[in-house]
């Protein structure tokens, strides 16, 4: 989150790409409604369409490292398994 705030000092927006081609974080300096319009939500096009919307609006953006996001209960359960396994080591 600190990296996102740092990137916002230099950019209009910052996105954290997710492995499913969406994003786990979107930080913006102010409301840009165009970043939420004409996006095919819950598809593998979310990130690319959002980046295209940034470019079309003339917004600068920074990208954080690609991570896993949590969209479903199954995603949450897999993350809980990951953390419980990590704590055991």
PDB file of N, CA and C in Angstrom:
ATOM      1  N   UNK A   1       0.832  -1.184   0.000  1.00  0.00           N
ATOM      2  CA  UNK A   1       0.000   0.000   0.000  1.00  0.00           C
ATOM      3  C   UNK A   1       0.879   1.252   0.000  1.00  0.00           C
ATOM      4  N   UNK A   2       1.975   1.195   0.750  1.00  0.00           N
ATOM      5  CA  UNK A   2       2.894   2.343   0.754  1.00  0.00           C
ATOM      6  C   UNK A   2       3.461   2.586  -0.640  1.00  0.00           C
ATOM      7  N   UNK A   3       3.789   1.499  -1.362  1.00  0.00           N
ATOM      8  CA  UNK A   3       4.297   1.656  -2.730  1.00  0.00           C
ATOM      9  C   UNK A   3       3.250   2.313  -3.623  1.00  0.00           C
ATOM     10  N   UNK A   4       1.989   1.961  -3.435  1.00  0.00           N
ATOM     11  CA  UNK A   4       0.913   2.569  -4.221  1.00  0.00           C
ATOM     12  C   UNK A   4       0.849   4.074  -3.960  1.00  0.00           C
ATOM     13  N   UNK A   5       0.895   4.468  -2.691  1.00  0.00           N
ATOM     14  CA  UNK A   5       0.880   5.902  -2.369  1.00  0.00           C
ATOM     15  C   UNK A   5       2.090   6.608  -2.960  1.00  0.00           C
ATOM     16  N   UNK A   6       3.262   5.963  -2.902  1.00  0.00           N
ATOM     17  CA  UNK A   6       4.461   6.555  -3.501  1.00  0.00           C
ATOM     18  C   UNK A   6       4.286   6.751  -4.999  1.00  0.00           C
ATOM     19  N   UNK A   7       3.706   5.750  -5.679  1.00  0.00           N
ATOM     20  CA  UNK A   7       3.489   5.854  -7.127  1.00  0.00           C
ATOM     21  C   UNK A   7       2.481   6.949  -7.470  1.00  0.00           C
ATOM     22  N   UNK A   8       1.525   7.174  -6.584  1.00  0.00           N
ATOM     23  CA  UNK A   8       0.537   8.221  -6.841  1.00  0.00           C
ATOM     24  C   UNK A   8       1.145   9.620  -6.780  1.00  0.00           C
ATOM     25  N   UNK A   9       2.315   9.754  -6.182  1.00  0.00           N
ATOM     26  CA  UNK A   9       2.994  11.048  -6.192  1.00  0.00           C
ATOM     27  C   UNK A   9       3.433  11.424  -7.602  1.00  0.00           C
ATOM     28  N   UNK A  10       3.688  10.421  -8.436  1.00  0.00           N
ATOM     29  CA  UNK A  10       4.183  10.638  -9.793  1.00  0.00           C
ATOM     30  C   UNK A  10       3.155  10.336 -10.877  1.00  0.00           C
ATOM     31  N   UNK A  11       2.031   9.690 -10.512  1.00  0.00           N
ATOM     32  CA  UNK A  11       1.057   9.223 -11.500  1.00  0.00           C
ATOM     33  C   UNK A  11      -0.358   9.587 -11.083  1.00  0.00           C
ATOM     34  N   UNK A  12      -1.249   9.595 -12.079  1.00  0.00           N
ATOM     35  CA  UNK A  12      -2.673   9.826 -11.810  1.00  0.00           C
ATOM     36  C   UNK A  12      -3.338   8.594 -11.204  1.00  0.00           C
ATOM     37  N   UNK A  13      -2.820   7.425 -11.555  1.00  0.00           N
ATOM     38  CA  UNK A  13      -3.416   6.173 -11.092  1.00  0.00           C
ATOM     39  C   UNK A  13      -2.318   5.150 -10.839  1.00  0.00           C
ATOM     40  N   UNK A  14      -2.628   4.174 -10.009  1.00  0.00           N
ATOM     41  CA  UNK A  14      -1.728   3.043  -9.780  1.00  0.00           C
ATOM     42  C   UNK A  14      -2.594   1.792  -9.713  1.00  0.00           C
ATOM     43  N   UNK A  15      -2.110   0.736 -10.373  1.00  0.00           N
ATOM     44  CA  UNK A  15      -2.836  -0.527 -10.392  1.00  0.00           C
ATOM     45  C   UNK A  15      -1.937  -1.655  -9.932  1.00  0.00           C
ATOM     46  N   UNK A  16      -2.530  -2.586  -9.221  1.00  0.00           N
ATOM     47  CA  UNK A  16      -1.861  -3.809  -8.822  1.00  0.00           C
ATOM     48  C   UNK A  16      -2.421  -4.937  -9.667  1.00  0.00           C
ATOM     49  N   UNK A  17      -1.724  -5.353 -10.708  1.00  0.00           N
ATOM     50  CA  UNK A  17      -2.229  -6.419 -11.576  1.00  0.00           C
ATOM     51  C   UNK A  17      -2.360  -7.739 -10.825  1.00  0.00           C
ATOM     52  N   UNK A  18      -3.409  -8.469 -11.148  1.00  0.00           N
ATOM     53  CA  UNK A  18      -3.632  -9.785 -10.553  1.00  0.00           C
ATOM     54  C   UNK A  18      -3.338 -10.869 -11.589  1.00  0.00           C
ATOM     55  N   UNK A  19      -3.063 -12.052 -11.109  1.00  0.00           N
ATOM     56  CA  UNK A  19      -2.744 -13.174 -11.997  1.00  0.00           C
ATOM     57  C   UNK A  19      -3.906 -13.557 -12.902  1.00  0.00           C
ATOM     58  N   UNK A  20      -5.135 -13.159 -12.561  1.00  0.00           N
ATOM     59  CA  UNK A  20      -6.291 -13.497 -13.397  1.00  0.00           C
ATOM     60  C   UNK A  20      -6.590 -12.396 -14.422  1.00  0.00           C
ATOM     61  N   UNK A  21      -5.644 -11.484 -14.617  1.00  0.00           N
ATOM     62  CA  UNK A  21      -5.748 -10.370 -15.570  1.00  0.00           C
ATOM     63  C   UNK A  21      -6.754  -9.312 -15.158  1.00  0.00           C
ATOM     64  N   UNK A  22      -7.054  -9.286 -13.873  1.00  0.00           N
ATOM     65  CA  UNK A  22      -7.795  -8.177 -13.284  1.00  0.00           C
ATOM     66  C   UNK A  22      -6.808  -7.370 -12.473  1.00  0.00           C
ATOM     67  N   UNK A  23      -7.282  -6.752 -11.407  1.00  0.00           N
ATOM     68  CA  UNK A  23      -6.367  -6.068 -10.512  1.00  0.00           C
ATOM     69  C   UNK A  23      -6.831  -6.217  -9.074  1.00  0.00           C
ATOM     70  N   UNK A  24      -5.857  -6.190  -8.164  1.00  0.00           N
ATOM     71  CA  UNK A  24      -6.156  -6.301  -6.737  1.00  0.00           C
ATOM     72  C   UNK A  24      -6.189  -4.933  -6.060  1.00  0.00           C
ATOM     73  N   UNK A  25      -5.719  -3.910  -6.756  1.00  0.00           N
ATOM     74  CA  UNK A  25      -5.680  -2.572  -6.188  1.00  0.00           C
ATOM     75  C   UNK A  25      -5.788  -1.562  -7.314  1.00  0.00           C
ATOM     76  N   UNK A  26      -6.595  -0.546  -7.089  1.00  0.00           N
ATOM     77  CA  UNK A  26      -6.647   0.608  -7.976  1.00  0.00           C
ATOM     78  C   UNK A  26      -6.617   1.843  -7.093  1.00  0.00           C
ATOM     79  N   UNK A  27      -5.573   2.625  -7.228  1.00  0.00           N
ATOM     80  CA  UNK A  27      -5.462   3.877  -6.510  1.00  0.00           C
ATOM     81  C   UNK A  27      -5.527   5.016  -7.509  1.00  0.00           C
ATOM     82  N   UNK A  28      -6.319   6.039  -7.209  1.00  0.00           N
ATOM     83  CA  UNK A  28      -6.442   7.191  -8.103  1.00  0.00           C
ATOM     84  C   UNK A  28      -6.422   8.477  -7.280  1.00  0.00           C
ATOM     85  N   UNK A  29      -5.889   9.544  -7.877  1.00  0.00           N
ATOM     86  CA  UNK A  29      -5.799  10.821  -7.181  1.00  0.00           C
ATOM     87  C   UNK A  29      -7.153  11.482  -7.024  1.00  0.00           C
ATOM     88  N   UNK A  30      -8.034  11.278  -7.974  1.00  0.00           N
ATOM     89  CA  UNK A  30      -9.394  11.791  -7.913  1.00  0.00           C
ATOM     90  C   UNK A  30     -10.279  10.835  -8.705  1.00  0.00           C
ATOM     91  N   UNK A  31     -11.565  11.051  -8.669  1.00  0.00           N
ATOM     92  CA  UNK A  31     -12.483  10.151  -9.349  1.00  0.00           C
ATOM     93  C   UNK A  31     -12.383  10.331 -10.863  1.00  0.00           C
ATOM     94  N   UNK A  32     -12.091   9.244 -11.531  1.00  0.00           N
ATOM     95  CA  UNK A  32     -12.076   9.193 -12.992  1.00  0.00           C
ATOM     96  C   UNK A  32     -13.116   8.152 -13.392  1.00  0.00           C
ATOM     97  N   UNK A  33     -14.342   8.589 -13.644  1.00  0.00           N
ATOM     98  CA  UNK A  33     -15.452   7.673 -13.933  1.00  0.00           C
ATOM     99  C   UNK A  33     -15.162   6.781 -15.132  1.00  0.00           C
ATOM    100  N   UNK A  34     -14.361   7.268 -16.078  1.00  0.00           N
ATOM    101  CA  UNK A  34     -14.063   6.490 -17.278  1.00  0.00           C
ATOM    102  C   UNK A  34     -13.294   5.203 -16.975  1.00  0.00           C
ATOM    103  N   UNK A  35     -12.677   5.127 -15.812  1.00  0.00           N
ATOM    104  CA  UNK A  35     -11.969   3.894 -15.439  1.00  0.00           C
ATOM    105  C   UNK A  35     -12.933   2.786 -15.016  1.00  0.00           C
ATOM    106  N   UNK A  36     -14.193   3.129 -14.852  1.00  0.00           N
ATOM    107  CA  UNK A  36     -15.186   2.152 -14.407  1.00  0.00           C
ATOM    108  C   UNK A  36     -16.287   1.931 -15.442  1.00  0.00           C
ATOM    109  N   UNK A  37     -16.180   2.606 -16.582  1.00  0.00           N
ATOM    110  CA  UNK A  37     -17.181   2.476 -17.638  1.00  0.00           C
ATOM    111  C   UNK A  37     -16.663   1.563 -18.742  1.00  0.00           C
ATOM    112  N   UNK A  38     -17.555   0.790 -19.303  1.00  0.00           N
ATOM    113  CA  UNK A  38     -17.238  -0.092 -20.440  1.00  0.00           C
ATOM    114  C   UNK A  38     -16.154  -1.114 -20.114  1.00  0.00           C
ATOM    115  N   UNK A  39     -16.111  -1.562 -18.878  1.00  0.00           N
ATOM    116  CA  UNK A  39     -15.182  -2.604 -18.449  1.00  0.00           C
ATOM    117  C   UNK A  39     -15.974  -3.905 -18.358  1.00  0.00           C
ATOM    118  N   UNK A  40     -15.461  -4.958 -18.941  1.00  0.00           N
ATOM    119  CA  UNK A  40     -16.110  -6.273 -18.844  1.00  0.00           C
ATOM    120  C   UNK A  40     -15.648  -6.928 -17.543  1.00  0.00           C
ATOM    121  N   UNK A  41     -16.360  -6.589 -16.454  1.00  0.00           N
ATOM    122  CA  UNK A  41     -15.998  -7.056 -15.122  1.00  0.00           C
ATOM    123  C   UNK A  41     -16.050  -8.568 -15.037  1.00  0.00           C
ATOM    124  N   UNK A  42     -15.217  -9.122 -14.167  1.00  0.00           N
ATOM    125  CA  UNK A  42     -15.123 -10.573 -13.920  1.00  0.00           C
ATOM    126  C   UNK A  42     -14.687 -11.330 -15.162  1.00  0.00           C
ATOM    127  N   UNK A  43     -13.859 -10.692 -15.974  1.00  0.00           N
ATOM    128  CA  UNK A  43     -13.282 -11.356 -17.143  1.00  0.00           C
ATOM    129  C   UNK A  43     -11.768 -11.146 -17.122  1.00  0.00           C
ATOM    130  N   UNK A  44     -11.106 -11.791 -18.060  1.00  0.00           N
ATOM    131  CA  UNK A  44      -9.659 -11.620 -18.177  1.00  0.00           C
ATOM    132  C   UNK A  44      -9.287 -10.357 -18.963  1.00  0.00           C
ATOM    133  N   UNK A  45     -10.248  -9.471 -19.157  1.00  0.00           N
ATOM    134  CA  UNK A  45     -10.023  -8.211 -19.878  1.00  0.00           C
ATOM    135  C   UNK A  45      -9.991  -6.989 -18.960  1.00  0.00           C
ATOM    136  N   UNK A  46     -10.266  -7.180 -17.678  1.00  0.00           N
ATOM    137  CA  UNK A  46     -10.414  -6.045 -16.764  1.00  0.00           C
ATOM    138  C   UNK A  46      -9.165  -5.169 -16.738  1.00  0.00           C
ATOM    139  N   UNK A  47      -8.008  -5.760 -16.539  1.00  0.00           N
ATOM    140  CA  UNK A  47      -6.781  -4.966 -16.454  1.00  0.00           C
ATOM    141  C   UNK A  47      -6.499  -4.258 -17.776  1.00  0.00           C
ATOM    142  N   UNK A  48      -6.525  -4.987 -18.877  1.00  0.00           N
ATOM    143  CA  UNK A  48      -6.191  -4.376 -20.169  1.00  0.00           C
ATOM    144  C   UNK A  48      -7.185  -3.275 -20.530  1.00  0.00           C
ATOM    145  N   UNK A  49      -8.466  -3.466 -20.232  1.00  0.00           N
ATOM    146  CA  UNK A  49      -9.454  -2.431 -20.536  1.00  0.00           C
ATOM    147  C   UNK A  49      -9.272  -1.213 -19.631  1.00  0.00           C
ATOM    148  N   UNK A  50      -8.904  -1.438 -18.395  1.00  0.00           N
ATOM    149  CA  UNK A  50      -8.674  -0.319 -17.475  1.00  0.00           C
ATOM    150  C   UNK A  50      -7.429   0.470 -17.891  1.00  0.00           C
ATOM    151  N   UNK A  51      -6.375  -0.228 -18.283  1.00  0.00           N
ATOM    152  CA  UNK A  51      -5.173   0.467 -18.762  1.00  0.00           C
ATOM    153  C   UNK A  51      -5.466   1.243 -20.041  1.00  0.00           C
ATOM    154  N   UNK A  52      -6.269   0.653 -20.926  1.00  0.00           N
ATOM    155  CA  UNK A  52      -6.662   1.359 -22.156  1.00  0.00           C
ATOM    156  C   UNK A  52      -7.482   2.603 -21.815  1.00  0.00           C
ATOM    157  N   UNK A  53      -8.343   2.508 -20.811  1.00  0.00           N
ATOM    158  CA  UNK A  53      -9.130   3.667 -20.383  1.00  0.00           C
ATOM    159  C   UNK A  53      -8.218   4.758 -19.827  1.00  0.00           C
ATOM    160  N   UNK A  54      -7.186   4.368 -19.085  1.00  0.00           N
ATOM    161  CA  UNK A  54      -6.208   5.342 -18.591  1.00  0.00           C
ATOM    162  C   UNK A  54      -5.541   6.060 -19.762  1.00  0.00           C
ATOM    163  N   UNK A  55      -5.096   5.290 -20.718  1.00  0.00           N
ATOM    164  CA  UNK A  55      -4.408   5.871 -21.867  1.00  0.00           C
ATOM    165  C   UNK A  55      -5.349   6.775 -22.666  1.00  0.00           C
ATOM    166  N   UNK A  56      -6.571   6.332 -22.889  1.00  0.00           N
ATOM    167  CA  UNK A  56      -7.554   7.127 -23.638  1.00  0.00           C
ATOM    168  C   UNK A  56      -7.843   8.450 -22.929  1.00  0.00           C
ATOM    169  N   UNK A  57      -7.866   8.439 -21.602  1.00  0.00           N
ATOM    170  CA  UNK A  57      -8.125   9.647 -20.812  1.00  0.00           C
ATOM    171  C   UNK A  57      -6.872  10.497 -20.616  1.00  0.00           C
ATOM    172  N   UNK A  58      -5.722  10.010 -21.092  1.00  0.00           N
ATOM    173  CA  UNK A  58      -4.478  10.754 -20.929  1.00  0.00           C
ATOM    174  C   UNK A  58      -3.929  10.711 -19.517  1.00  0.00           C
ATOM    175  N   UNK A  59      -4.283   9.652 -18.777  1.00  0.00           N
ATOM    176  CA  UNK A  59      -3.831   9.514 -17.392  1.00  0.00           C
ATOM    177  C   UNK A  59      -2.525   8.739 -17.330  1.00  0.00           C
ATOM    178  N   UNK A  60      -1.613   9.199 -16.519  1.00  0.00           N
ATOM    179  CA  UNK A  60      -0.394   8.421 -16.269  1.00  0.00           C
ATOM    180  C   UNK A  60      -0.719   7.370 -15.214  1.00  0.00           C
ATOM    181  N   UNK A  61      -0.013   6.237 -15.276  1.00  0.00           N
ATOM    182  CA  UNK A  61      -0.259   5.189 -14.290  1.00  0.00           C
ATOM    183  C   UNK A  61       1.012   4.416 -14.006  1.00  0.00           C
ATOM    184  N   UNK A  62       1.049   3.842 -12.815  1.00  0.00           N
ATOM    185  CA  UNK A  62       2.134   2.973 -12.403  1.00  0.00           C
ATOM    186  C   UNK A  62       1.562   1.603 -12.095  1.00  0.00           C
ATOM    187  N   UNK A  63       2.400   0.591 -12.243  1.00  0.00           N
ATOM    188  CA  UNK A  63       1.984  -0.784 -11.975  1.00  0.00           C
ATOM    189  C   UNK A  63       2.787  -1.368 -10.823  1.00  0.00           C
ATOM    190  N   UNK A  64       2.087  -1.945  -9.884  1.00  0.00           N
ATOM    191  CA  UNK A  64       2.687  -2.671  -8.772  1.00  0.00           C
ATOM    192  C   UNK A  64       3.011  -4.086  -9.219  1.00  0.00           C
ATOM    193  N   UNK A  65       3.673  -4.881  -8.382  1.00  0.00           N
ATOM    194  CA  UNK A  65       3.931  -6.280  -8.733  1.00  0.00           C
ATOM    195  C   UNK A  65       2.624  -7.062  -8.906  1.00  0.00           C
ATOM    196  N   UNK A  66       2.677  -8.048  -9.786  1.00  0.00           N
ATOM    197  CA  UNK A  66       1.523  -8.919 -10.011  1.00  0.00           C
ATOM    198  C   UNK A  66       1.365  -9.856  -8.817  1.00  0.00           C
ATOM    199  N   UNK A  67       0.137  -9.921  -8.292  1.00  0.00           N
ATOM    200  CA  UNK A  67      -0.179 -10.762  -7.144  1.00  0.00           C
ATOM    201  C   UNK A  67      -1.499 -11.499  -7.367  1.00  0.00           C
ATOM    202  N   UNK A  68      -1.822 -12.347  -6.435  1.00  0.00           N
ATOM    203  CA  UNK A  68      -3.106 -13.039  -6.436  1.00  0.00           C
ATOM    204  C   UNK A  68      -4.132 -12.119  -5.797  1.00  0.00           C
ATOM    205  N   UNK A  69      -5.351 -12.092  -6.369  1.00  0.00           N
ATOM    206  CA  UNK A  69      -6.422 -11.356  -5.714  1.00  0.00           C
ATOM    207  C   UNK A  69      -7.486 -12.341  -5.229  1.00  0.00           C
ATOM    208  N   UNK A  70      -8.410 -11.847  -4.459  1.00  0.00           N
ATOM    209  CA  UNK A  70      -9.447 -12.701  -3.893  1.00  0.00           C
ATOM    210  C   UNK A  70     -10.790 -12.240  -4.435  1.00  0.00           C
ATOM    211  N   UNK A  71     -11.368 -13.066  -5.321  1.00  0.00           N
ATOM    212  CA  UNK A  71     -12.664 -12.759  -5.928  1.00  0.00           C
ATOM    213  C   UNK A  71     -13.780 -13.655  -5.407  1.00  0.00           C
ATOM    214  N   UNK A  72     -13.413 -14.837  -4.972  1.00  0.00           N
ATOM    215  CA  UNK A  72     -14.424 -15.823  -4.601  1.00  0.00           C
ATOM    216  C   UNK A  72     -14.071 -16.437  -3.243  1.00  0.00           C
ATOM    217  N   UNK A  73     -15.016 -17.170  -2.689  1.00  0.00           N
ATOM    218  CA  UNK A  73     -14.756 -17.874  -1.439  1.00  0.00           C
ATOM    219  C   UNK A  73     -13.644 -18.903  -1.629  1.00  0.00           C
ATOM    220  N   UNK A  74     -13.610 -19.538  -2.800  1.00  0.00           N
ATOM    221  CA  UNK A  74     -12.545 -20.509  -3.082  1.00  0.00           C
ATOM    222  C   UNK A  74     -11.170 -19.834  -3.067  1.00  0.00           C
ATOM    223  N   UNK A  75     -11.091 -18.614  -3.625  1.00  0.00           N
ATOM    224  CA  UNK A  75      -9.830 -17.862  -3.592  1.00  0.00           C
ATOM    225  C   UNK A  75      -9.412 -17.592  -2.147  1.00  0.00           C
ATOM    226  N   UNK A  76     -10.375 -17.191  -1.338  1.00  0.00           N
ATOM    227  CA  UNK A  76     -10.090 -16.907   0.073  1.00  0.00           C
ATOM    228  C   UNK A  76      -9.606 -18.158   0.784  1.00  0.00           C
ATOM    229  N   UNK A  77     -10.276 -19.269   0.536  1.00  0.00           N
ATOM    230  CA  UNK A  77      -9.868 -20.527   1.166  1.00  0.00           C
ATOM    231  C   UNK A  77      -8.468 -20.931   0.746  1.00  0.00           C
ATOM    232  N   UNK A  78      -8.115 -20.727  -0.511  1.00  0.00           N
ATOM    233  CA  UNK A  78      -6.767 -21.102  -0.965  1.00  0.00           C
ATOM    234  C   UNK A  78      -5.720 -20.198  -0.321  1.00  0.00           C
ATOM    235  N   UNK A  79      -6.041 -18.932  -0.105  1.00  0.00           N
ATOM    236  CA  UNK A  79      -5.101 -18.030   0.558  1.00  0.00           C
ATOM    237  C   UNK A  79      -4.948 -18.402   2.029  1.00  0.00           C
ATOM    238  N   UNK A  80      -6.034 -18.756   2.690  1.00  0.00           N
ATOM    239  CA  UNK A  80      -5.945 -19.172   4.086  1.00  0.00           C
ATOM    240  C   UNK A  80      -5.070 -20.411   4.200  1.00  0.00           C
ATOM    241  N   UNK A  81      -5.212 -21.325   3.256  1.00  0.00           N
ATOM    242  CA  UNK A  81      -4.377 -22.530   3.257  1.00  0.00           C
ATOM    243  C   UNK A  81      -2.910 -22.141   3.085  1.00  0.00           C
ATOM    244  N   UNK A  82      -2.640 -21.186   2.194  1.00  0.00           N
ATOM    245  CA  UNK A  82      -1.276 -20.741   1.955  1.00  0.00           C
ATOM    246  C   UNK A  82      -0.667 -20.158   3.232  1.00  0.00           C
ATOM    247  N   UNK A  83      -1.401 -19.283   3.914  1.00  0.00           N
ATOM    248  CA  UNK A  83      -0.867 -18.644   5.109  1.00  0.00           C
ATOM    249  C   UNK A  83      -0.724 -19.617   6.265  1.00  0.00           C
ATOM    250  N   UNK A  84      -1.650 -20.548   6.415  1.00  0.00           N
ATOM    251  CA  UNK A  84      -1.514 -21.516   7.502  1.00  0.00           C
ATOM    252  C   UNK A  84      -0.312 -22.443   7.238  1.00  0.00           C
ATOM    253  N   UNK A  85      -0.073 -22.760   5.991  1.00  0.00           N
ATOM    254  CA  UNK A  85       1.072 -23.590   5.609  1.00  0.00           C
ATOM    255  C   UNK A  85       2.368 -22.814   5.854  1.00  0.00           C
ATOM    256  N   UNK A  86       2.367 -21.518   5.545  1.00  0.00           N
ATOM    257  CA  UNK A  86       3.551 -20.680   5.710  1.00  0.00           C
ATOM    258  C   UNK A  86       3.890 -20.517   7.195  1.00  0.00           C
ATOM    259  N   UNK A  87       2.863 -20.386   8.044  1.00  0.00           N
ATOM    260  CA  UNK A  87       3.096 -20.242   9.473  1.00  0.00           C
ATOM    261  C   UNK A  87       3.694 -21.513  10.089  1.00  0.00           C
ATOM    262  N   UNK A  88       3.426 -22.643   9.483  1.00  0.00           N
ATOM    263  CA  UNK A  88       3.885 -23.922  10.029  1.00  0.00           C
ATOM    264  C   UNK A  88       5.379 -24.118   9.794  1.00  0.00           C
ATOM    265  N   UNK A  89       5.974 -23.340   8.883  1.00  0.00           N
ATOM    266  CA  UNK A  89       7.401 -23.533   8.577  1.00  0.00           C
ATOM    267  C   UNK A  89       8.297 -22.705   9.437  1.00  0.00           C
TER     268      UNK A  89
END
